[in-house]
């Protein structure tokens, strides 16, 4: 009987150990599965983060490329501006030299009325020679008197040169860029430059009509 009892106790003990082992094994398997799931989630998060980083890097490289292109454009623009400023400065110096020469000629003419008539007559000769058939301009020139020329000259501190006076009168009677170019035998770009410089002398901005302004001085 004692032996039978011992066997029963051993059997119960082994059964209990086996049951605990199974329970621990199941718990271990559950924890393992949970850990595997967490790792999968972390892996997906890592892959998504990596993709986002790659996208950000691609966008950054595109922006960097665009910035380099803009930098090249800006550098070229600065070069063009510098070249244009050099051309304007050279042209300005040439105009200044012409103004000085014209001032010397003005000092030799004492009779202002005679000078004014010479200016009008010279423009009429140019129109008849370079713009035949434009009699309306000649008619308008008849309304340009010495007082108007005097007003033009003195509007800019009394030092507007004779060529500039002629340009102003031509614009005042309605000549366009092409007609002034033909009349004075110069490039249209030079006429644009003269017109720009005159507007600066008279304190006008780019939006103001230069021809209208000149005509208003004859009122």
C-alpha atoms as a PDB file:
ATOM      1  CA  UNK A   1       0.000   0.000   0.000  1.00  0.00           C
ATOM      2  CA  UNK A   2       2.824   2.344   0.873  1.00  0.00           C
ATOM      3  CA  UNK A   3       4.450   1.719  -2.454  1.00  0.00           C
ATOM      4  CA  UNK A   4       1.167   2.309  -4.248  1.00  0.00           C
ATOM      5  CA  UNK A   5       0.748   5.611  -2.438  1.00  0.00           C
ATOM      6  CA  UNK A   6       4.237   6.686  -3.355  1.00  0.00           C
ATOM      7  CA  UNK A   7       3.586   5.854  -6.986  1.00  0.00           C
ATOM      8  CA  UNK A   8       0.370   7.876  -6.940  1.00  0.00           C
ATOM      9  CA  UNK A   9       2.158  10.849  -5.364  1.00  0.00           C
ATOM     10  CA  UNK A  10       4.958  10.649  -7.914  1.00  0.00           C
ATOM     11  CA  UNK A  11       2.427  10.465 -10.715  1.00  0.00           C
ATOM     12  CA  UNK A  12       0.568  13.483  -9.368  1.00  0.00           C
ATOM     13  CA  UNK A  13       3.849  15.369  -8.960  1.00  0.00           C
ATOM     14  CA  UNK A  14       4.960  14.542 -12.513  1.00  0.00           C
ATOM     15  CA  UNK A  15       1.551  15.524 -13.834  1.00  0.00           C
ATOM     16  CA  UNK A  16       1.750  18.837 -12.009  1.00  0.00           C
ATOM     17  CA  UNK A  17       5.265  19.491 -13.332  1.00  0.00           C
ATOM     18  CA  UNK A  18       4.181  18.644 -16.878  1.00  0.00           C
ATOM     19  CA  UNK A  19       1.135  20.912 -16.571  1.00  0.00           C
ATOM     20  CA  UNK A  20       3.275  23.817 -15.318  1.00  0.00           C
ATOM     21  CA  UNK A  21       5.797  23.205 -18.077  1.00  0.00           C
ATOM     22  CA  UNK A  22       3.049  23.310 -20.705  1.00  0.00           C
ATOM     23  CA  UNK A  23       1.652  26.502 -19.167  1.00  0.00           C
ATOM     24  CA  UNK A  24       5.090  28.108 -19.179  1.00  0.00           C
ATOM     25  CA  UNK A  25       5.675  26.938 -22.751  1.00  0.00           C
ATOM     26  CA  UNK A  26       2.365  28.437 -23.897  1.00  0.00           C
ATOM     27  CA  UNK A  27       3.207  31.691 -22.132  1.00  0.00           C
ATOM     28  CA  UNK A  28       6.627  31.744 -23.751  1.00  0.00           C
ATOM     29  CA  UNK A  29       5.074  31.087 -27.183  1.00  0.00           C
ATOM     30  CA  UNK A  30       2.555  33.908 -26.635  1.00  0.00           C
ATOM     31  CA  UNK A  31       5.299  36.314 -25.561  1.00  0.00           C
ATOM     32  CA  UNK A  32       7.381  35.245 -28.537  1.00  0.00           C
ATOM     33  CA  UNK A  33       4.469  35.806 -30.940  1.00  0.00           C
ATOM     34  CA  UNK A  34       3.777  39.198 -29.372  1.00  0.00           C
ATOM     35  CA  UNK A  35       7.444  40.123 -29.697  1.00  0.00           C
ATOM     36  CA  UNK A  36       7.440  39.006 -33.341  1.00  0.00           C
ATOM     37  CA  UNK A  37       4.341  41.144 -34.011  1.00  0.00           C
ATOM     38  CA  UNK A  38       5.969  44.134 -32.359  1.00  0.00           C
ATOM     39  CA  UNK A  39       9.094  43.591 -34.456  1.00  0.00           C
ATOM     40  CA  UNK A  40       6.970  43.470 -37.613  1.00  0.00           C
ATOM     41  CA  UNK A  41       5.264  46.727 -36.620  1.00  0.00           C
ATOM     42  CA  UNK A  42       8.646  48.310 -35.879  1.00  0.00           C
ATOM     43  CA  UNK A  43       9.951  47.037 -39.208  1.00  0.00           C
ATOM     44  CA  UNK A  44       6.994  48.596 -41.084  1.00  0.00           C
ATOM     45  CA  UNK A  45       7.519  51.846 -39.227  1.00  0.00           C
ATOM     46  CA  UNK A  46      11.211  51.764 -40.104  1.00  0.00           C
ATOM     47  CA  UNK A  47      10.451  51.080 -43.783  1.00  0.00           C
ATOM     48  CA  UNK A  48       7.887  53.933 -43.860  1.00  0.00           C
ATOM     49  CA  UNK A  49      10.350  56.271 -42.162  1.00  0.00           C
ATOM     50  CA  UNK A  50      13.060  55.252 -44.626  1.00  0.00           C
ATOM     51  CA  UNK A  51      10.728  55.952 -47.548  1.00  0.00           C
ATOM     52  CA  UNK A  52       9.854  59.361 -46.109  1.00  0.00           C
ATOM     53  CA  UNK A  53      13.548  60.133 -45.671  1.00  0.00           C
ATOM     54  CA  UNK A  54      14.243  59.085 -49.271  1.00  0.00           C
ATOM     55  CA  UNK A  55      11.393  61.292 -50.495  1.00  0.00           C
ATOM     56  CA  UNK A  56      12.661  64.234 -48.456  1.00  0.00           C
ATOM     57  CA  UNK A  57      16.168  63.668 -49.801  1.00  0.00           C
ATOM     58  CA  UNK A  58      14.846  63.573 -53.371  1.00  0.00           C
ATOM     59  CA  UNK A  59      12.892  66.814 -52.819  1.00  0.00           C
ATOM     60  CA  UNK A  60      15.963  68.420 -51.280  1.00  0.00           C
ATOM     61  CA  UNK A  61      18.090  67.465 -54.275  1.00  0.00           C
ATOM     62  CA  UNK A  62      15.446  68.863 -56.646  1.00  0.00           C
ATOM     63  CA  UNK A  63      15.314  72.123 -54.670  1.00  0.00           C
ATOM     64  CA  UNK A  64      19.103  72.219 -54.619  1.00  0.00           C
ATOM     65  CA  UNK A  65      19.170  71.792 -58.403  1.00  0.00           C
ATOM     66  CA  UNK A  66      16.572  74.550 -58.831  1.00  0.00           C
ATOM     67  CA  UNK A  67      18.582  76.814 -56.529  1.00  0.00           C
ATOM     68  CA  UNK A  68      21.725  76.216 -58.589  1.00  0.00           C
ATOM     69  CA  UNK A  69      19.831  77.096 -61.780  1.00  0.00           C
ATOM     70  CA  UNK A  70      18.446  80.275 -60.185  1.00  0.00           C
ATOM     71  CA  UNK A  71      21.927  81.171 -58.954  1.00  0.00           C
ATOM     72  CA  UNK A  72      23.272  80.819 -62.489  1.00  0.00           C
ATOM     73  CA  UNK A  73      20.444  82.975 -63.846  1.00  0.00           C
ATOM     74  CA  UNK A  74      21.077  85.631 -61.191  1.00  0.00           C
ATOM     75  CA  UNK A  75      24.810  85.595 -61.929  1.00  0.00           C
ATOM     76  CA  UNK A  76      24.103  86.011 -65.654  1.00  0.00           C
ATOM     77  CA  UNK A  77      21.619  88.785 -64.929  1.00  0.00           C
ATOM     78  CA  UNK A  78      24.196  90.625 -62.814  1.00  0.00           C
ATOM     79  CA  UNK A  79      26.706  90.279 -65.634  1.00  0.00           C
ATOM     80  CA  UNK A  80      24.181  91.649 -68.131  1.00  0.00           C
ATOM     81  CA  UNK A  81      23.307  94.546 -65.818  1.00  0.00           C
ATOM     82  CA  UNK A  82      26.978  95.381 -65.350  1.00  0.00           C
ATOM     83  CA  UNK A  83      27.509  95.317 -69.120  1.00  0.00           C
ATOM     84  CA  UNK A  84      24.457  97.533 -69.650  1.00  0.00           C
ATOM     85  CA  UNK A  85      25.632  99.976 -66.990  1.00  0.00           C
ATOM     86  CA  UNK A  86      28.996 100.177 -68.745  1.00  0.00           C
ATOM     87  CA  UNK A  87      27.279 100.919 -72.055  1.00  0.00           C
ATOM     88  CA  UNK A  88      25.056 103.544 -70.462  1.00  0.00           C
ATOM     89  CA  UNK A  89      28.048 105.165 -68.776  1.00  0.00           C
ATOM     90  CA  UNK A  90      29.932 105.284 -72.080  1.00  0.00           C
ATOM     91  CA  UNK A  91      26.910 106.736 -73.834  1.00  0.00           C
ATOM     92  CA  UNK A  92      26.418 109.235 -71.006  1.00  0.00           C
ATOM     93  CA  UNK A  93      30.013 110.399 -71.299  1.00  0.00           C
ATOM     94  CA  UNK A  94      29.535 110.798 -75.038  1.00  0.00           C
ATOM     95  CA  UNK A  95      26.375 112.853 -74.486  1.00  0.00           C
ATOM     96  CA  UNK A  96      28.156 115.006 -71.900  1.00  0.00           C
ATOM     97  CA  UNK A  97      30.943 115.666 -74.380  1.00  0.00           C
ATOM     98  CA  UNK A  98      28.382 116.595 -77.035  1.00  0.00           C
ATOM     99  CA  UNK A  99      26.654 118.893 -74.558  1.00  0.00           C
ATOM    100  CA  UNK A 100      29.929 120.643 -73.794  1.00  0.00           C
ATOM    101  CA  UNK A 101      30.599 121.155 -77.483  1.00  0.00           C
ATOM    102  CA  UNK A 102      27.080 122.449 -78.014  1.00  0.00           C
ATOM    103  CA  UNK A 103      27.429 124.833 -75.083  1.00  0.00           C
ATOM    104  CA  UNK A 104      30.512 126.304 -76.739  1.00  0.00           C
ATOM    105  CA  UNK A 105      28.467 126.842 -79.883  1.00  0.00           C
ATOM    106  CA  UNK A 106      25.658 128.451 -77.883  1.00  0.00           C
ATOM    107  CA  UNK A 107      28.041 130.949 -76.323  1.00  0.00           C
ATOM    108  CA  UNK A 108      29.006 132.105 -79.811  1.00  0.00           C
ATOM    109  CA  UNK A 109      25.389 133.020 -80.613  1.00  0.00           C
ATOM    110  CA  UNK A 110      24.248 136.158 -78.813  1.00  0.00           C
ATOM    111  CA  UNK A 111      20.839 136.593 -80.360  1.00  0.00           C
ATOM    112  CA  UNK A 112      18.471 134.068 -78.731  1.00  0.00           C
ATOM    113  CA  UNK A 113      15.702 134.691 -81.250  1.00  0.00           C
ATOM    114  CA  UNK A 114      18.082 134.008 -84.082  1.00  0.00           C
ATOM    115  CA  UNK A 115      19.166 130.771 -82.406  1.00  0.00           C
ATOM    116  CA  UNK A 116      15.561 129.671 -81.893  1.00  0.00           C
ATOM    117  CA  UNK A 117      14.750 130.292 -85.513  1.00  0.00           C
ATOM    118  CA  UNK A 118      17.841 128.384 -86.573  1.00  0.00           C
ATOM    119  CA  UNK A 119      16.648 125.389 -84.505  1.00  0.00           C
ATOM    120  CA  UNK A 120      13.182 125.443 -86.104  1.00  0.00           C
ATOM    121  CA  UNK A 121      14.618 125.963 -89.587  1.00  0.00           C
ATOM    122  CA  UNK A 122      17.032 123.079 -89.093  1.00  0.00           C
ATOM    123  CA  UNK A 123      14.213 120.743 -88.055  1.00  0.00           C
ATOM    124  CA  UNK A 124      12.140 121.832 -91.075  1.00  0.00           C
ATOM    125  CA  UNK A 125      15.087 121.086 -93.377  1.00  0.00           C
ATOM    126  CA  UNK A 126      15.483 117.642 -91.809  1.00  0.00           C
ATOM    127  CA  UNK A 127      11.770 116.885 -92.209  1.00  0.00           C
ATOM    128  CA  UNK A 128      11.747 117.975 -95.853  1.00  0.00           C
ATOM    129  CA  UNK A 129      14.837 115.884 -96.527  1.00  0.00           C
ATOM    130  CA  UNK A 130      14.220 112.752 -94.430  1.00  0.00           C
ATOM    131  CA  UNK A 131      10.408 112.743 -94.050  1.00  0.00           C
ATOM    132  CA  UNK A 132       8.997 114.137 -97.319  1.00  0.00           C
ATOM    133  CA  UNK A 133       5.257 114.636 -97.351  1.00  0.00           C
ATOM    134  CA  UNK A 134       4.883 115.154 -93.602  1.00  0.00           C
ATOM    135  CA  UNK A 135       3.653 118.734 -93.979  1.00  0.00           C
ATOM    136  CA  UNK A 136       1.563 118.445 -90.802  1.00  0.00           C
ATOM    137  CA  UNK A 137       4.762 118.468 -88.777  1.00  0.00           C
ATOM    138  CA  UNK A 138       5.916 121.648 -90.509  1.00  0.00           C
ATOM    139  CA  UNK A 139       2.542 123.254 -89.777  1.00  0.00           C
ATOM    140  CA  UNK A 140       2.877 122.342 -86.108  1.00  0.00           C
ATOM    141  CA  UNK A 141       6.388 123.815 -86.038  1.00  0.00           C
ATOM    142  CA  UNK A 142       4.876 127.189 -86.922  1.00  0.00           C
ATOM    143  CA  UNK A 143       3.259 127.190 -83.475  1.00  0.00           C
ATOM    144  CA  UNK A 144       6.618 126.607 -81.755  1.00  0.00           C
ATOM    145  CA  UNK A 145       7.843 130.070 -80.799  1.00  0.00           C
ATOM    146  CA  UNK A 146      10.966 131.347 -79.146  1.00  0.00           C
ATOM    147  CA  UNK A 147       9.265 131.463 -75.759  1.00  0.00           C
ATOM    148  CA  UNK A 148       8.544 127.738 -75.887  1.00  0.00           C
ATOM    149  CA  UNK A 149      12.176 126.951 -76.712  1.00  0.00           C
ATOM    150  CA  UNK A 150      13.254 129.275 -73.931  1.00  0.00           C
ATOM    151  CA  UNK A 151      10.878 127.447 -71.543  1.00  0.00           C
ATOM    152  CA  UNK A 152      12.288 124.080 -72.590  1.00  0.00           C
ATOM    153  CA  UNK A 153      15.876 125.181 -72.158  1.00  0.00           C
ATOM    154  CA  UNK A 154      15.342 126.784 -68.776  1.00  0.00           C
ATOM    155  CA  UNK A 155      13.115 124.025 -67.426  1.00  0.00           C
ATOM    156  CA  UNK A 156      16.281 122.002 -66.861  1.00  0.00           C
ATOM    157  CA  UNK A 157      18.322 124.707 -65.137  1.00  0.00           C
ATOM    158  CA  UNK A 158      18.998 126.514 -68.405  1.00  0.00           C
ATOM    159  CA  UNK A 159      21.506 123.958 -69.703  1.00  0.00           C
ATOM    160  CA  UNK A 160      19.547 121.848 -72.199  1.00  0.00           C
ATOM    161  CA  UNK A 161      21.742 121.423 -75.269  1.00  0.00           C
ATOM    162  CA  UNK A 162      20.671 122.302 -78.824  1.00  0.00           C
ATOM    163  CA  UNK A 163      20.407 118.643 -79.977  1.00  0.00           C
ATOM    164  CA  UNK A 164      18.237 117.884 -76.957  1.00  0.00           C
ATOM    165  CA  UNK A 165      16.076 120.926 -77.729  1.00  0.00           C
ATOM    166  CA  UNK A 166      15.572 119.594 -81.254  1.00  0.00           C
ATOM    167  CA  UNK A 167      14.611 116.150 -79.942  1.00  0.00           C
ATOM    168  CA  UNK A 168      12.135 117.716 -77.514  1.00  0.00           C
ATOM    169  CA  UNK A 169      10.506 119.778 -80.260  1.00  0.00           C
ATOM    170  CA  UNK A 170      10.183 116.692 -82.488  1.00  0.00           C
ATOM    171  CA  UNK A 171       8.527 114.735 -79.682  1.00  0.00           C
ATOM    172  CA  UNK A 172       6.301 117.723 -78.894  1.00  0.00           C
ATOM    173  CA  UNK A 173       4.885 117.824 -82.441  1.00  0.00           C
ATOM    174  CA  UNK A 174       4.069 114.115 -82.238  1.00  0.00           C
ATOM    175  CA  UNK A 175       6.968 112.359 -83.937  1.00  0.00           C
ATOM    176  CA  UNK A 176       7.416 108.696 -83.080  1.00  0.00           C
ATOM    177  CA  UNK A 177      10.639 106.856 -82.309  1.00  0.00           C
ATOM    178  CA  UNK A 178      11.045 105.631 -85.889  1.00  0.00           C
ATOM    179  CA  UNK A 179      10.456 109.076 -87.387  1.00  0.00           C
ATOM    180  CA  UNK A 180      12.946 110.737 -85.031  1.00  0.00           C
ATOM    181  CA  UNK A 181      15.412 107.974 -85.893  1.00  0.00           C
ATOM    182  CA  UNK A 182      15.000 108.635 -89.614  1.00  0.00           C
ATOM    183  CA  UNK A 183      15.025 112.400 -89.205  1.00  0.00           C
ATOM    184  CA  UNK A 184      18.332 112.499 -87.293  1.00  0.00           C
ATOM    185  CA  UNK A 185      19.851 109.411 -88.989  1.00  0.00           C
ATOM    186  CA  UNK A 186      20.448 107.530 -85.721  1.00  0.00           C
ATOM    187  CA  UNK A 187      19.491 104.086 -84.432  1.00  0.00           C
ATOM    188  CA  UNK A 188      16.084 103.661 -82.802  1.00  0.00           C
ATOM    189  CA  UNK A 189      17.846 102.322 -79.687  1.00  0.00           C
ATOM    190  CA  UNK A 190      19.716 105.644 -79.487  1.00  0.00           C
ATOM    191  CA  UNK A 191      16.419 107.522 -79.728  1.00  0.00           C
ATOM    192  CA  UNK A 192      15.044 105.437 -76.871  1.00  0.00           C
ATOM    193  CA  UNK A 193      18.153 106.272 -74.831  1.00  0.00           C
ATOM    194  CA  UNK A 194      17.817 109.995 -75.590  1.00  0.00           C
ATOM    195  CA  UNK A 195      14.136 109.910 -74.667  1.00  0.00           C
ATOM    196  CA  UNK A 196      14.952 108.104 -71.417  1.00  0.00           C
ATOM    197  CA  UNK A 197      17.668 110.608 -70.541  1.00  0.00           C
ATOM    198  CA  UNK A 198      15.407 113.574 -71.324  1.00  0.00           C
ATOM    199  CA  UNK A 199      12.632 112.195 -69.112  1.00  0.00           C
ATOM    200  CA  UNK A 200      15.161 111.947 -66.292  1.00  0.00           C
ATOM    201  CA  UNK A 201      16.249 115.526 -66.894  1.00  0.00           C
ATOM    202  CA  UNK A 202      12.647 116.696 -66.668  1.00  0.00           C
ATOM    203  CA  UNK A 203      12.007 114.572 -63.561  1.00  0.00           C
ATOM    204  CA  UNK A 204       9.457 112.269 -65.214  1.00  0.00           C
ATOM    205  CA  UNK A 205       8.926 108.594 -64.398  1.00  0.00           C
ATOM    206  CA  UNK A 206       8.429 105.757 -66.869  1.00  0.00           C
ATOM    207  CA  UNK A 207       4.619 105.908 -66.647  1.00  0.00           C
ATOM    208  CA  UNK A 208       4.325 109.577 -67.648  1.00  0.00           C
ATOM    209  CA  UNK A 209       3.748 110.437 -71.336  1.00  0.00           C
ATOM    210  CA  UNK A 210       6.733 112.506 -72.455  1.00  0.00           C
ATOM    211  CA  UNK A 211       4.998 113.903 -75.576  1.00  0.00           C
ATOM    212  CA  UNK A 212       1.996 115.077 -73.556  1.00  0.00           C
ATOM    213  CA  UNK A 213       4.319 116.699 -71.029  1.00  0.00           C
ATOM    214  CA  UNK A 214       6.221 118.575 -73.762  1.00  0.00           C
ATOM    215  CA  UNK A 215       3.004 119.788 -75.375  1.00  0.00           C
ATOM    216  CA  UNK A 216       1.766 121.024 -72.000  1.00  0.00           C
ATOM    217  CA  UNK A 217       4.757 123.387 -71.811  1.00  0.00           C
ATOM    218  CA  UNK A 218       3.515 125.150 -74.944  1.00  0.00           C
ATOM    219  CA  UNK A 219       0.112 126.042 -73.405  1.00  0.00           C
END
